[in-house]
Structures are given as C-alpha cells and as structure tokens.
Amino acid sequence: MPLHPIATAAALCAALVAGTAAAAPEVGKAAPAFTGTDTSGETWALADLRGTPVILEWTNHDCPYVVKHYESGNMQALQKEATEAGYTWLSVISSAPGKQGHVSAEQADDLTASRNAAPTAVLLDPKGDIGKAYGARTTPHMFIIDAQGTLVYMGGIDDKPTTDLADVEGAENYVRLAMADLAAGESVDKAVTRPYGCSVKY
C-alpha cells in the first residue's frame, strides 16, 4: 500500500531531525570532519591528520577566562606538553567579524608570539563552521581526538570555572589527565566535562 504524501513528508522530516541530532559530537564516535585555514593560509583537514592525535582549543583573547590560562602560562605549558607528545594542537578562533575576539591572521600571529603560545597552528573560523560542527560553546572549550579519528574528550580545561589566575595551581586539568590516560593505553576516565568561559561569539 503506497504511503500517503503527508505521511511520507512527516517521515522525511523525522529522519532529517534525527540526522541533525546524530550529527552532534559524541565521545566514542568519529569526530566531526572539518577543513579550516590557518593564519598562513594553509588548509587543515581532520582527514589528513589520521594517525596523529589532535587537540582543538577554542579561544578568544579578549575573554577573561582565556586570559587566565594564558597569563598564568597554563595554556602554553599544556600546548608544549601535547605537541612534544606528538599531538597536533589547533587553536580555533570562531569569533565572527565585528564580534569580541575576531582577529586578522596577522593579529592572531602577533598574539601567538606575544604570549609565547605554542599551538601547531591557529585556525580562523569567522563563519563558525568548525565551531558549530563541534558544538563549541565557550572559550576555552577543549576537544581531544585520538589517532584513529575518534573523539575521546570534550569539555573544560579544568575543574576551576573562574577567572582567578591563582586557581590554576591545584586545579584538576582534565586535558592533561586525558592525555595521561591515552598514553597509558587506557580509555579516558573523565571523557565529558562541563566547559566554562565566555560564550563563543558566532
């Protein structure tokens, strides 16, 4: 018996809604594919990084939560630890033109140099395509993708959701813990945590 056109349309809508929901990033599943351009104009695609673990860091230099982690040297130390351990660290700027944190490629490079930051590259995402694919909500918002392309961590950088530099010391750094779990060949114990910071300025 042929389906009624209205029923068919309803089924299609349901399928589309389900597909949208399924597209949300989920730990233990393939990380959302992305392609982005860095400050030197080089293209980065997640598919090309297969075989290498990846850390994505959403950032906005005007956000006081980001300032906390850079002025304390915490983010730079983490970047260096990760890259020395073989990770590709991509800092992502998803601030839209005219919004807080939006920068040109030159400004982004100046920030990297002035803060002695050590990401592998800084991706400019002014349309928010990468940020929305990952559901990035805050700066910072951290994601770890293993060498097989599986999302293994998403959430906050640590357990101290404040802007106080003094809170960096003694904080439980979730990114560092996740890297330790992976280095030990174990699954990430705290794989999903609450991100904190300023809202991403899409």
N, C-alpha and C. Protein backbone atom coordinates (compact mmCIF):
# COMPACT_ATOMS: atom_id res chain seq x y z
N MET A 1 0.86 -1.20 0.00
CA MET A 1 0.00 0.00 0.00
C MET A 1 0.89 1.24 0.00
N PRO A 2 0.73 2.15 -0.96
CA PRO A 2 1.62 3.32 -1.04
C PRO A 2 1.39 4.25 0.14
N LEU A 3 2.49 4.91 0.57
CA LEU A 3 2.38 5.84 1.69
C LEU A 3 1.67 7.10 1.25
N HIS A 4 0.86 7.65 2.13
CA HIS A 4 0.20 8.93 1.87
C HIS A 4 1.29 10.01 1.80
N PRO A 5 1.16 10.97 0.87
CA PRO A 5 2.18 12.02 0.74
C PRO A 5 2.50 12.74 2.05
N ILE A 6 1.47 13.00 2.86
CA ILE A 6 1.70 13.70 4.12
C ILE A 6 2.51 12.82 5.07
N ALA A 7 2.18 11.52 5.08
CA ALA A 7 2.91 10.61 5.95
C ALA A 7 4.37 10.51 5.50
N THR A 8 4.57 10.49 4.18
CA THR A 8 5.92 10.42 3.65
C THR A 8 6.73 11.65 4.05
N ALA A 9 6.08 12.83 3.92
CA ALA A 9 6.75 14.08 4.29
C ALA A 9 7.09 14.09 5.77
N ALA A 10 6.17 13.59 6.59
CA ALA A 10 6.41 13.56 8.04
C ALA A 10 7.57 12.64 8.36
N ALA A 11 7.62 11.51 7.68
CA ALA A 11 8.71 10.56 7.92
C ALA A 11 10.05 11.17 7.52
N LEU A 12 10.03 11.92 6.40
CA LEU A 12 11.26 12.56 5.93
C LEU A 12 11.74 13.60 6.94
N CYS A 13 10.79 14.40 7.45
CA CYS A 13 11.13 15.42 8.45
C CYS A 13 11.73 14.76 9.69
N ALA A 14 11.11 13.66 10.12
CA ALA A 14 11.61 12.95 11.31
C ALA A 14 13.03 12.46 11.07
N ALA A 15 13.27 11.96 9.87
CA ALA A 15 14.60 11.45 9.53
C ALA A 15 15.62 12.58 9.54
N LEU A 16 15.22 13.74 9.02
CA LEU A 16 16.13 14.88 8.98
C LEU A 16 16.46 15.36 10.38
N VAL A 17 15.44 15.41 11.25
CA VAL A 17 15.66 15.82 12.63
C VAL A 17 16.58 14.84 13.33
N ALA A 18 16.33 13.54 13.11
CA ALA A 18 17.18 12.52 13.72
C ALA A 18 18.61 12.65 13.22
N GLY A 19 18.74 12.94 11.93
CA GLY A 19 20.07 13.09 11.35
C GLY A 19 20.81 14.26 11.95
N THR A 20 20.08 15.36 12.20
CA THR A 20 20.70 16.53 12.81
C THR A 20 21.17 16.22 14.22
N ALA A 21 20.34 15.51 14.98
CA ALA A 21 20.69 15.17 16.34
C ALA A 21 21.91 14.25 16.35
N ALA A 22 21.94 13.31 15.41
CA ALA A 22 23.04 12.34 15.37
C ALA A 22 24.35 13.02 14.99
N ALA A 23 24.27 14.19 14.37
CA ALA A 23 25.47 14.88 13.92
C ALA A 23 26.21 15.56 15.06
N ALA A 24 25.57 15.67 16.24
CA ALA A 24 26.24 16.31 17.37
C ALA A 24 27.45 15.49 17.78
N PRO A 25 28.55 16.15 18.16
CA PRO A 25 29.74 15.39 18.54
C PRO A 25 29.46 14.49 19.74
N GLU A 26 30.02 13.30 19.70
CA GLU A 26 29.78 12.33 20.76
C GLU A 26 31.07 11.58 21.05
N VAL A 27 31.44 11.57 22.31
CA VAL A 27 32.65 10.85 22.70
C VAL A 27 32.48 9.37 22.37
N GLY A 28 33.53 8.79 21.82
CA GLY A 28 33.49 7.38 21.44
C GLY A 28 33.10 7.18 20.00
N LYS A 29 32.70 8.25 19.34
CA LYS A 29 32.31 8.19 17.93
C LYS A 29 33.31 9.00 17.10
N ALA A 30 33.23 8.87 15.79
CA ALA A 30 34.12 9.62 14.91
C ALA A 30 33.95 11.12 15.15
N ALA A 31 35.04 11.83 15.28
CA ALA A 31 35.00 13.28 15.47
C ALA A 31 34.46 13.93 14.20
N PRO A 32 33.69 15.01 14.34
CA PRO A 32 33.17 15.70 13.15
C PRO A 32 34.29 16.11 12.20
N ALA A 33 34.09 15.82 10.92
CA ALA A 33 35.08 16.22 9.92
C ALA A 33 35.10 17.74 9.81
N PHE A 34 36.27 18.28 9.53
CA PHE A 34 36.36 19.72 9.30
C PHE A 34 37.52 20.03 8.38
N THR A 35 37.41 21.17 7.74
CA THR A 35 38.50 21.73 6.96
C THR A 35 38.58 23.21 7.32
N GLY A 36 39.77 23.68 7.63
CA GLY A 36 39.92 25.08 8.02
C GLY A 36 41.22 25.64 7.52
N THR A 37 41.33 26.96 7.58
CA THR A 37 42.52 27.66 7.09
C THR A 37 43.23 28.33 8.25
N ASP A 38 44.56 28.17 8.29
CA ASP A 38 45.31 28.79 9.38
C ASP A 38 45.77 30.19 9.00
N THR A 39 46.54 30.81 9.88
CA THR A 39 46.92 32.20 9.70
C THR A 39 47.89 32.43 8.54
N SER A 40 48.50 31.36 8.06
CA SER A 40 49.40 31.49 6.91
C SER A 40 48.71 31.09 5.61
N GLY A 41 47.42 30.77 5.69
CA GLY A 41 46.66 30.39 4.50
C GLY A 41 46.70 28.91 4.20
N GLU A 42 47.35 28.13 5.07
CA GLU A 42 47.43 26.69 4.86
C GLU A 42 46.11 26.03 5.26
N THR A 43 45.70 25.04 4.50
CA THR A 43 44.46 24.32 4.78
C THR A 43 44.73 23.11 5.67
N TRP A 44 43.89 22.97 6.67
CA TRP A 44 43.97 21.83 7.59
C TRP A 44 42.67 21.05 7.52
N ALA A 45 42.76 19.75 7.33
CA ALA A 45 41.58 18.89 7.30
C ALA A 45 41.79 17.75 8.29
N LEU A 46 40.78 17.45 9.08
CA LEU A 46 40.91 16.37 10.05
C LEU A 46 41.28 15.06 9.37
N ALA A 47 40.74 14.83 8.18
CA ALA A 47 41.02 13.59 7.46
C ALA A 47 42.51 13.42 7.18
N ASP A 48 43.21 14.53 7.00
CA ASP A 48 44.65 14.48 6.70
C ASP A 48 45.49 14.22 7.94
N LEU A 49 44.86 14.31 9.12
CA LEU A 49 45.59 14.15 10.37
C LEU A 49 45.44 12.75 10.96
N ARG A 50 44.79 11.86 10.22
CA ARG A 50 44.61 10.49 10.70
C ARG A 50 45.98 9.89 11.01
N GLY A 51 46.08 9.24 12.15
CA GLY A 51 47.36 8.69 12.58
C GLY A 51 48.05 9.56 13.61
N THR A 52 47.52 10.76 13.82
CA THR A 52 48.07 11.70 14.80
C THR A 52 46.95 12.17 15.72
N PRO A 53 47.15 12.14 17.04
CA PRO A 53 46.11 12.68 17.93
C PRO A 53 46.04 14.20 17.79
N VAL A 54 44.86 14.72 18.02
CA VAL A 54 44.60 16.15 17.79
C VAL A 54 43.92 16.75 19.02
N ILE A 55 44.32 17.96 19.36
CA ILE A 55 43.61 18.73 20.39
C ILE A 55 43.09 20.01 19.74
N LEU A 56 41.82 20.28 19.95
CA LEU A 56 41.20 21.52 19.49
C LEU A 56 40.92 22.40 20.70
N GLU A 57 41.35 23.64 20.61
CA GLU A 57 41.17 24.62 21.69
C GLU A 57 40.43 25.83 21.12
N TRP A 58 39.21 26.07 21.60
CA TRP A 58 38.52 27.29 21.16
C TRP A 58 39.01 28.45 22.00
N THR A 59 39.34 29.56 21.34
CA THR A 59 39.97 30.66 22.06
C THR A 59 39.44 32.02 21.61
N ASN A 60 39.55 32.98 22.51
CA ASN A 60 39.16 34.38 22.28
C ASN A 60 40.02 35.21 23.22
N HIS A 61 40.99 35.92 22.68
CA HIS A 61 41.99 36.60 23.52
C HIS A 61 41.40 37.65 24.44
N ASP A 62 40.18 38.15 24.14
CA ASP A 62 39.55 39.16 24.98
C ASP A 62 38.72 38.56 26.12
N CYS A 63 38.58 37.26 26.12
CA CYS A 63 37.79 36.59 27.16
C CYS A 63 38.63 36.44 28.43
N PRO A 64 38.13 36.90 29.58
CA PRO A 64 38.93 36.82 30.81
C PRO A 64 39.27 35.40 31.24
N TYR A 65 38.46 34.43 30.85
CA TYR A 65 38.78 33.04 31.18
C TYR A 65 39.99 32.56 30.36
N VAL A 66 40.04 33.00 29.11
CA VAL A 66 41.20 32.68 28.26
C VAL A 66 42.43 33.41 28.79
N VAL A 67 42.25 34.68 29.16
CA VAL A 67 43.35 35.47 29.71
C VAL A 67 43.95 34.76 30.92
N LYS A 68 43.10 34.22 31.77
CA LYS A 68 43.57 33.48 32.96
C LYS A 68 44.56 32.40 32.58
N HIS A 69 44.22 31.61 31.57
CA HIS A 69 45.06 30.46 31.23
C HIS A 69 46.30 30.84 30.44
N TYR A 70 46.27 31.98 29.76
CA TYR A 70 47.46 32.43 29.04
C TYR A 70 48.39 33.28 29.92
N GLU A 71 47.82 34.17 30.74
CA GLU A 71 48.67 34.99 31.60
C GLU A 71 49.39 34.15 32.65
N SER A 72 48.77 33.05 33.07
CA SER A 72 49.38 32.16 34.04
C SER A 72 50.41 31.24 33.39
N GLY A 73 50.38 31.15 32.05
CA GLY A 73 51.27 30.24 31.34
C GLY A 73 50.73 28.83 31.26
N ASN A 74 49.53 28.62 31.78
CA ASN A 74 48.95 27.28 31.83
C ASN A 74 48.68 26.71 30.44
N MET A 75 48.08 27.52 29.58
CA MET A 75 47.74 27.02 28.25
C MET A 75 49.00 26.73 27.44
N GLN A 76 49.98 27.62 27.55
CA GLN A 76 51.22 27.42 26.79
C GLN A 76 51.94 26.14 27.25
N ALA A 77 51.96 25.89 28.55
CA ALA A 77 52.60 24.68 29.07
C ALA A 77 51.90 23.44 28.54
N LEU A 78 50.58 23.50 28.51
CA LEU A 78 49.80 22.37 28.03
C LEU A 78 50.04 22.14 26.53
N GLN A 79 50.10 23.24 25.79
CA GLN A 79 50.37 23.14 24.35
C GLN A 79 51.72 22.48 24.10
N LYS A 80 52.73 22.88 24.86
CA LYS A 80 54.07 22.32 24.67
C LYS A 80 54.12 20.85 25.06
N GLU A 81 53.46 20.51 26.16
CA GLU A 81 53.41 19.10 26.58
C GLU A 81 52.76 18.25 25.49
N ALA A 82 51.66 18.76 24.96
CA ALA A 82 50.91 17.99 23.97
C ALA A 82 51.70 17.82 22.68
N THR A 83 52.28 18.90 22.18
CA THR A 83 53.00 18.79 20.91
C THR A 83 54.25 17.94 21.06
N GLU A 84 54.90 18.01 22.23
CA GLU A 84 56.05 17.15 22.48
C GLU A 84 55.65 15.68 22.54
N ALA A 85 54.40 15.43 22.92
CA ALA A 85 53.88 14.06 22.99
C ALA A 85 53.33 13.58 21.65
N GLY A 86 53.43 14.44 20.62
CA GLY A 86 53.02 14.02 19.28
C GLY A 86 51.64 14.48 18.84
N TYR A 87 51.02 15.33 19.63
CA TYR A 87 49.70 15.85 19.26
C TYR A 87 49.82 16.99 18.26
N THR A 88 48.82 17.12 17.43
CA THR A 88 48.62 18.34 16.64
C THR A 88 47.65 19.21 17.43
N TRP A 89 48.10 20.40 17.82
CA TRP A 89 47.26 21.30 18.63
C TRP A 89 46.78 22.44 17.73
N LEU A 90 45.48 22.51 17.56
CA LEU A 90 44.89 23.55 16.73
C LEU A 90 44.06 24.48 17.60
N SER A 91 44.48 25.73 17.70
CA SER A 91 43.68 26.75 18.37
C SER A 91 42.70 27.30 17.35
N VAL A 92 41.44 27.36 17.71
CA VAL A 92 40.40 27.77 16.77
C VAL A 92 39.75 29.07 17.24
N ILE A 93 39.70 30.05 16.34
CA ILE A 93 39.05 31.34 16.64
C ILE A 93 37.78 31.42 15.80
N SER A 94 36.63 31.28 16.48
CA SER A 94 35.35 31.28 15.78
C SER A 94 34.58 32.58 15.94
N SER A 95 35.22 33.61 16.47
CA SER A 95 34.54 34.91 16.62
C SER A 95 34.23 35.49 15.24
N ALA A 96 32.99 35.92 15.06
CA ALA A 96 32.56 36.49 13.78
C ALA A 96 33.08 37.92 13.63
N PRO A 97 33.20 38.41 12.39
CA PRO A 97 33.61 39.79 12.18
C PRO A 97 32.73 40.76 12.98
N GLY A 98 33.36 41.71 13.64
CA GLY A 98 32.62 42.67 14.44
C GLY A 98 32.32 42.20 15.85
N LYS A 99 32.63 40.94 16.16
CA LYS A 99 32.36 40.40 17.49
C LYS A 99 33.66 40.32 18.30
N GLN A 100 33.50 40.26 19.61
CA GLN A 100 34.65 40.16 20.50
C GLN A 100 35.54 38.97 20.11
N GLY A 101 36.84 39.22 20.03
CA GLY A 101 37.78 38.14 19.76
C GLY A 101 38.10 37.93 18.29
N HIS A 102 37.37 38.61 17.40
CA HIS A 102 37.67 38.45 15.97
C HIS A 102 39.00 39.12 15.67
N VAL A 103 39.86 38.41 14.96
CA VAL A 103 41.18 38.95 14.61
C VAL A 103 41.53 38.59 13.17
N SER A 104 42.44 39.36 12.63
CA SER A 104 43.00 39.03 11.32
C SER A 104 44.08 37.98 11.53
N ALA A 105 44.57 37.43 10.43
CA ALA A 105 45.66 36.45 10.53
C ALA A 105 46.88 37.07 11.18
N GLU A 106 47.19 38.31 10.79
CA GLU A 106 48.36 38.98 11.35
C GLU A 106 48.20 39.21 12.85
N GLN A 107 47.00 39.63 13.26
CA GLN A 107 46.75 39.85 14.68
C GLN A 107 46.86 38.54 15.47
N ALA A 108 46.36 37.47 14.87
CA ALA A 108 46.44 36.16 15.54
C ALA A 108 47.89 35.74 15.72
N ASP A 109 48.70 35.96 14.71
CA ASP A 109 50.13 35.62 14.81
C ASP A 109 50.83 36.48 15.86
N ASP A 110 50.45 37.76 15.93
CA ASP A 110 51.03 38.64 16.94
C ASP A 110 50.68 38.15 18.35
N LEU A 111 49.45 37.69 18.52
CA LEU A 111 49.02 37.16 19.82
C LEU A 111 49.82 35.91 20.17
N THR A 112 50.00 35.03 19.21
CA THR A 112 50.76 33.81 19.45
C THR A 112 52.18 34.16 19.90
N ALA A 113 52.79 35.11 19.21
CA ALA A 113 54.16 35.50 19.54
C ALA A 113 54.25 36.20 20.89
N SER A 114 53.34 37.14 21.15
CA SER A 114 53.41 37.94 22.38
C SER A 114 53.14 37.10 23.61
N ARG A 115 52.34 36.05 23.45
CA ARG A 115 52.01 35.19 24.60
C ARG A 115 52.93 33.98 24.70
N ASN A 116 53.87 33.86 23.74
CA ASN A 116 54.74 32.69 23.71
C ASN A 116 53.91 31.41 23.65
N ALA A 117 52.82 31.48 22.90
CA ALA A 117 51.95 30.32 22.75
C ALA A 117 52.60 29.32 21.80
N ALA A 118 52.17 28.06 21.91
CA ALA A 118 52.83 27.01 21.13
C ALA A 118 51.86 26.04 20.46
N PRO A 119 50.79 26.56 19.82
CA PRO A 119 49.92 25.63 19.09
C PRO A 119 50.63 25.20 17.80
N THR A 120 50.18 24.10 17.24
CA THR A 120 50.70 23.70 15.94
C THR A 120 50.28 24.72 14.89
N ALA A 121 49.04 25.19 15.00
CA ALA A 121 48.51 26.21 14.09
C ALA A 121 47.30 26.86 14.74
N VAL A 122 46.97 28.06 14.23
CA VAL A 122 45.76 28.76 14.66
C VAL A 122 44.82 28.81 13.47
N LEU A 123 43.64 28.22 13.64
CA LEU A 123 42.65 28.21 12.57
C LEU A 123 41.69 29.37 12.72
N LEU A 124 41.46 30.08 11.62
CA LEU A 124 40.49 31.18 11.61
C LEU A 124 39.16 30.65 11.09
N ASP A 125 38.13 30.78 11.93
CA ASP A 125 36.81 30.20 11.65
C ASP A 125 35.73 31.27 11.78
N PRO A 126 35.85 32.39 11.02
CA PRO A 126 34.94 33.52 11.21
C PRO A 126 33.48 33.22 10.92
N LYS A 127 33.20 32.21 10.11
CA LYS A 127 31.81 31.84 9.83
C LYS A 127 31.29 30.83 10.86
N GLY A 128 32.17 30.36 11.71
CA GLY A 128 31.75 29.44 12.76
C GLY A 128 31.49 28.02 12.31
N ASP A 129 31.95 27.65 11.12
CA ASP A 129 31.64 26.30 10.60
C ASP A 129 32.23 25.21 11.48
N ILE A 130 33.48 25.37 11.87
CA ILE A 130 34.11 24.33 12.69
C ILE A 130 33.51 24.35 14.09
N GLY A 131 33.35 25.55 14.63
CA GLY A 131 32.78 25.67 15.97
C GLY A 131 31.41 25.06 16.09
N LYS A 132 30.56 25.29 15.11
CA LYS A 132 29.20 24.76 15.16
C LYS A 132 29.19 23.25 14.95
N ALA A 133 30.12 22.76 14.13
CA ALA A 133 30.20 21.31 13.91
C ALA A 133 30.53 20.58 15.22
N TYR A 134 31.32 21.25 16.06
CA TYR A 134 31.70 20.64 17.34
C TYR A 134 30.80 21.07 18.50
N GLY A 135 29.89 21.98 18.24
CA GLY A 135 29.06 22.47 19.33
C GLY A 135 29.87 23.24 20.35
N ALA A 136 30.95 23.90 19.88
CA ALA A 136 31.80 24.67 20.79
C ALA A 136 30.99 25.81 21.39
N ARG A 137 30.95 25.87 22.71
CA ARG A 137 30.10 26.85 23.39
C ARG A 137 30.87 27.93 24.12
N THR A 138 32.08 27.61 24.54
CA THR A 138 32.81 28.55 25.39
C THR A 138 34.25 28.71 24.92
N THR A 139 34.88 29.77 25.43
CA THR A 139 36.32 29.91 25.27
C THR A 139 36.91 29.98 26.67
N PRO A 140 37.77 28.97 27.02
CA PRO A 140 38.14 27.84 26.17
C PRO A 140 37.09 26.72 26.18
N HIS A 141 37.07 25.92 25.13
CA HIS A 141 36.32 24.66 25.07
C HIS A 141 37.29 23.69 24.40
N MET A 142 37.53 22.55 25.03
CA MET A 142 38.59 21.65 24.62
C MET A 142 38.04 20.33 24.08
N PHE A 143 38.69 19.84 23.03
CA PHE A 143 38.32 18.55 22.44
C PHE A 143 39.60 17.78 22.14
N ILE A 144 39.58 16.48 22.40
CA ILE A 144 40.71 15.62 22.06
C ILE A 144 40.22 14.52 21.13
N ILE A 145 40.96 14.33 20.05
CA ILE A 145 40.64 13.32 19.03
C ILE A 145 41.83 12.36 18.98
N ASP A 146 41.58 11.06 19.08
CA ASP A 146 42.71 10.14 19.07
C ASP A 146 43.23 9.91 17.66
N ALA A 147 44.28 9.12 17.55
CA ALA A 147 44.95 8.93 16.26
C ALA A 147 44.06 8.23 15.23
N GLN A 148 43.02 7.57 15.70
CA GLN A 148 42.09 6.89 14.79
C GLN A 148 40.92 7.79 14.36
N GLY A 149 40.93 9.03 14.85
CA GLY A 149 39.87 9.97 14.47
C GLY A 149 38.65 9.93 15.37
N THR A 150 38.77 9.26 16.52
CA THR A 150 37.65 9.16 17.46
C THR A 150 37.72 10.28 18.48
N LEU A 151 36.59 10.91 18.74
CA LEU A 151 36.52 11.94 19.78
C LEU A 151 36.58 11.25 21.13
N VAL A 152 37.58 11.58 21.94
CA VAL A 152 37.76 10.89 23.21
C VAL A 152 37.60 11.80 24.42
N TYR A 153 37.59 13.12 24.20
CA TYR A 153 37.36 14.05 25.30
C TYR A 153 36.72 15.31 24.77
N MET A 154 35.76 15.85 25.54
CA MET A 154 35.24 17.19 25.25
C MET A 154 34.77 17.82 26.55
N GLY A 155 35.11 19.11 26.69
CA GLY A 155 34.67 19.82 27.89
C GLY A 155 35.60 20.93 28.30
N GLY A 156 35.70 21.14 29.61
CA GLY A 156 36.51 22.22 30.14
C GLY A 156 37.98 21.87 30.20
N ILE A 157 38.79 22.88 30.40
CA ILE A 157 40.23 22.63 30.54
C ILE A 157 40.53 22.08 31.93
N ASP A 158 39.74 22.52 32.92
CA ASP A 158 39.96 22.03 34.29
C ASP A 158 38.69 22.19 35.10
N ASP A 159 38.82 21.97 36.41
CA ASP A 159 37.64 21.97 37.29
C ASP A 159 37.49 23.27 38.09
N LYS A 160 38.16 24.34 37.65
CA LYS A 160 38.06 25.62 38.36
C LYS A 160 37.47 26.69 37.44
N PRO A 161 36.13 26.79 37.36
CA PRO A 161 35.49 27.72 36.41
C PRO A 161 35.49 29.16 36.89
N THR A 162 36.70 29.71 37.04
CA THR A 162 36.84 31.10 37.48
C THR A 162 37.80 31.84 36.56
N THR A 163 37.92 33.14 36.79
CA THR A 163 38.88 33.95 36.05
C THR A 163 40.11 34.28 36.90
N ASP A 164 40.21 33.65 38.06
CA ASP A 164 41.29 33.93 39.01
C ASP A 164 42.54 33.12 38.65
N LEU A 165 43.64 33.82 38.34
CA LEU A 165 44.88 33.14 37.98
C LEU A 165 45.35 32.19 39.08
N ALA A 166 45.07 32.53 40.33
CA ALA A 166 45.52 31.70 41.45
C ALA A 166 44.87 30.32 41.44
N ASP A 167 43.73 30.20 40.75
CA ASP A 167 43.02 28.92 40.73
C ASP A 167 43.64 27.91 39.77
N VAL A 168 44.60 28.35 38.94
CA VAL A 168 45.25 27.41 38.03
C VAL A 168 46.03 26.37 38.82
N GLU A 169 46.77 26.86 39.81
CA GLU A 169 47.53 25.94 40.65
C GLU A 169 46.58 25.10 41.49
N GLY A 170 46.76 23.81 41.44
CA GLY A 170 45.91 22.92 42.22
C GLY A 170 44.65 22.48 41.49
N ALA A 171 44.40 23.04 40.31
CA ALA A 171 43.21 22.63 39.56
C ALA A 171 43.42 21.24 38.97
N GLU A 172 42.34 20.49 38.81
CA GLU A 172 42.40 19.20 38.12
C GLU A 172 42.29 19.48 36.63
N ASN A 173 43.40 19.35 35.93
CA ASN A 173 43.42 19.67 34.50
C ASN A 173 42.93 18.46 33.71
N TYR A 174 41.73 18.56 33.19
CA TYR A 174 41.11 17.43 32.50
C TYR A 174 41.84 17.04 31.21
N VAL A 175 42.41 18.02 30.53
CA VAL A 175 43.12 17.73 29.29
C VAL A 175 44.38 16.93 29.58
N ARG A 176 45.11 17.35 30.61
CA ARG A 176 46.33 16.63 30.99
C ARG A 176 46.01 15.21 31.46
N LEU A 177 44.92 15.06 32.22
CA LEU A 177 44.51 13.74 32.68
C LEU A 177 44.13 12.84 31.50
N ALA A 178 43.44 13.41 30.53
CA ALA A 178 43.03 12.63 29.36
C ALA A 178 44.25 12.18 28.57
N MET A 179 45.23 13.07 28.41
CA MET A 179 46.45 12.69 27.69
C MET A 179 47.18 11.57 28.43
N ALA A 180 47.18 11.61 29.76
CA ALA A 180 47.83 10.58 30.55
C ALA A 180 47.13 9.23 30.37
N ASP A 181 45.81 9.26 30.37
CA ASP A 181 45.04 8.02 30.15
C ASP A 181 45.37 7.42 28.79
N LEU A 182 45.40 8.26 27.78
CA LEU A 182 45.69 7.77 26.42
C LEU A 182 47.11 7.24 26.32
N ALA A 183 48.05 7.92 26.97
CA ALA A 183 49.45 7.48 26.94
C ALA A 183 49.61 6.11 27.60
N ALA A 184 48.74 5.84 28.57
CA ALA A 184 48.78 4.55 29.28
C ALA A 184 48.01 3.47 28.54
N GLY A 185 47.44 3.84 27.38
CA GLY A 185 46.66 2.87 26.61
C GLY A 185 45.28 2.60 27.19
N GLU A 186 44.81 3.53 28.01
CA GLU A 186 43.51 3.37 28.65
C GLU A 186 42.49 4.32 28.03
N SER A 187 41.22 4.02 28.25
CA SER A 187 40.19 4.95 27.82
C SER A 187 40.19 6.14 28.77
N VAL A 188 39.72 7.27 28.28
CA VAL A 188 39.72 8.49 29.10
C VAL A 188 38.67 8.35 30.19
N ASP A 189 39.12 8.49 31.43
CA ASP A 189 38.23 8.29 32.58
C ASP A 189 37.15 9.37 32.63
N LYS A 190 37.59 10.63 32.57
CA LYS A 190 36.62 11.74 32.58
C LYS A 190 36.55 12.28 31.16
N ALA A 191 35.70 11.65 30.36
CA ALA A 191 35.67 11.93 28.92
C ALA A 191 34.79 13.12 28.56
N VAL A 192 33.84 13.45 29.41
CA VAL A 192 32.95 14.59 29.16
C VAL A 192 32.85 15.41 30.43
N THR A 193 33.21 16.69 30.34
CA THR A 193 33.09 17.58 31.49
C THR A 193 32.40 18.87 31.04
N ARG A 194 32.07 19.69 32.01
CA ARG A 194 31.37 20.94 31.68
C ARG A 194 32.35 22.00 31.23
N PRO A 195 32.19 22.51 30.02
CA PRO A 195 33.06 23.62 29.59
C PRO A 195 32.67 24.90 30.31
N TYR A 196 33.64 25.76 30.52
CA TYR A 196 33.32 27.06 31.11
C TYR A 196 34.10 28.15 30.39
N GLY A 197 33.63 29.37 30.52
CA GLY A 197 34.30 30.50 29.88
C GLY A 197 33.28 31.46 29.28
N CYS A 198 33.76 32.28 28.33
CA CYS A 198 32.87 33.20 27.63
C CYS A 198 32.18 32.44 26.50
N SER A 199 30.99 32.87 26.14
CA SER A 199 30.31 32.23 25.01
C SER A 199 31.09 32.49 23.73
N VAL A 200 31.09 31.50 22.83
CA VAL A 200 31.74 31.70 21.53
C VAL A 200 30.93 32.75 20.78
N LYS A 201 31.61 33.73 20.22
CA LYS A 201 30.92 34.88 19.61
C LYS A 201 30.66 34.65 18.13
N TYR A 202 29.72 33.73 17.86
CA TYR A 202 29.34 33.43 16.47
C TYR A 202 28.64 34.62 15.82
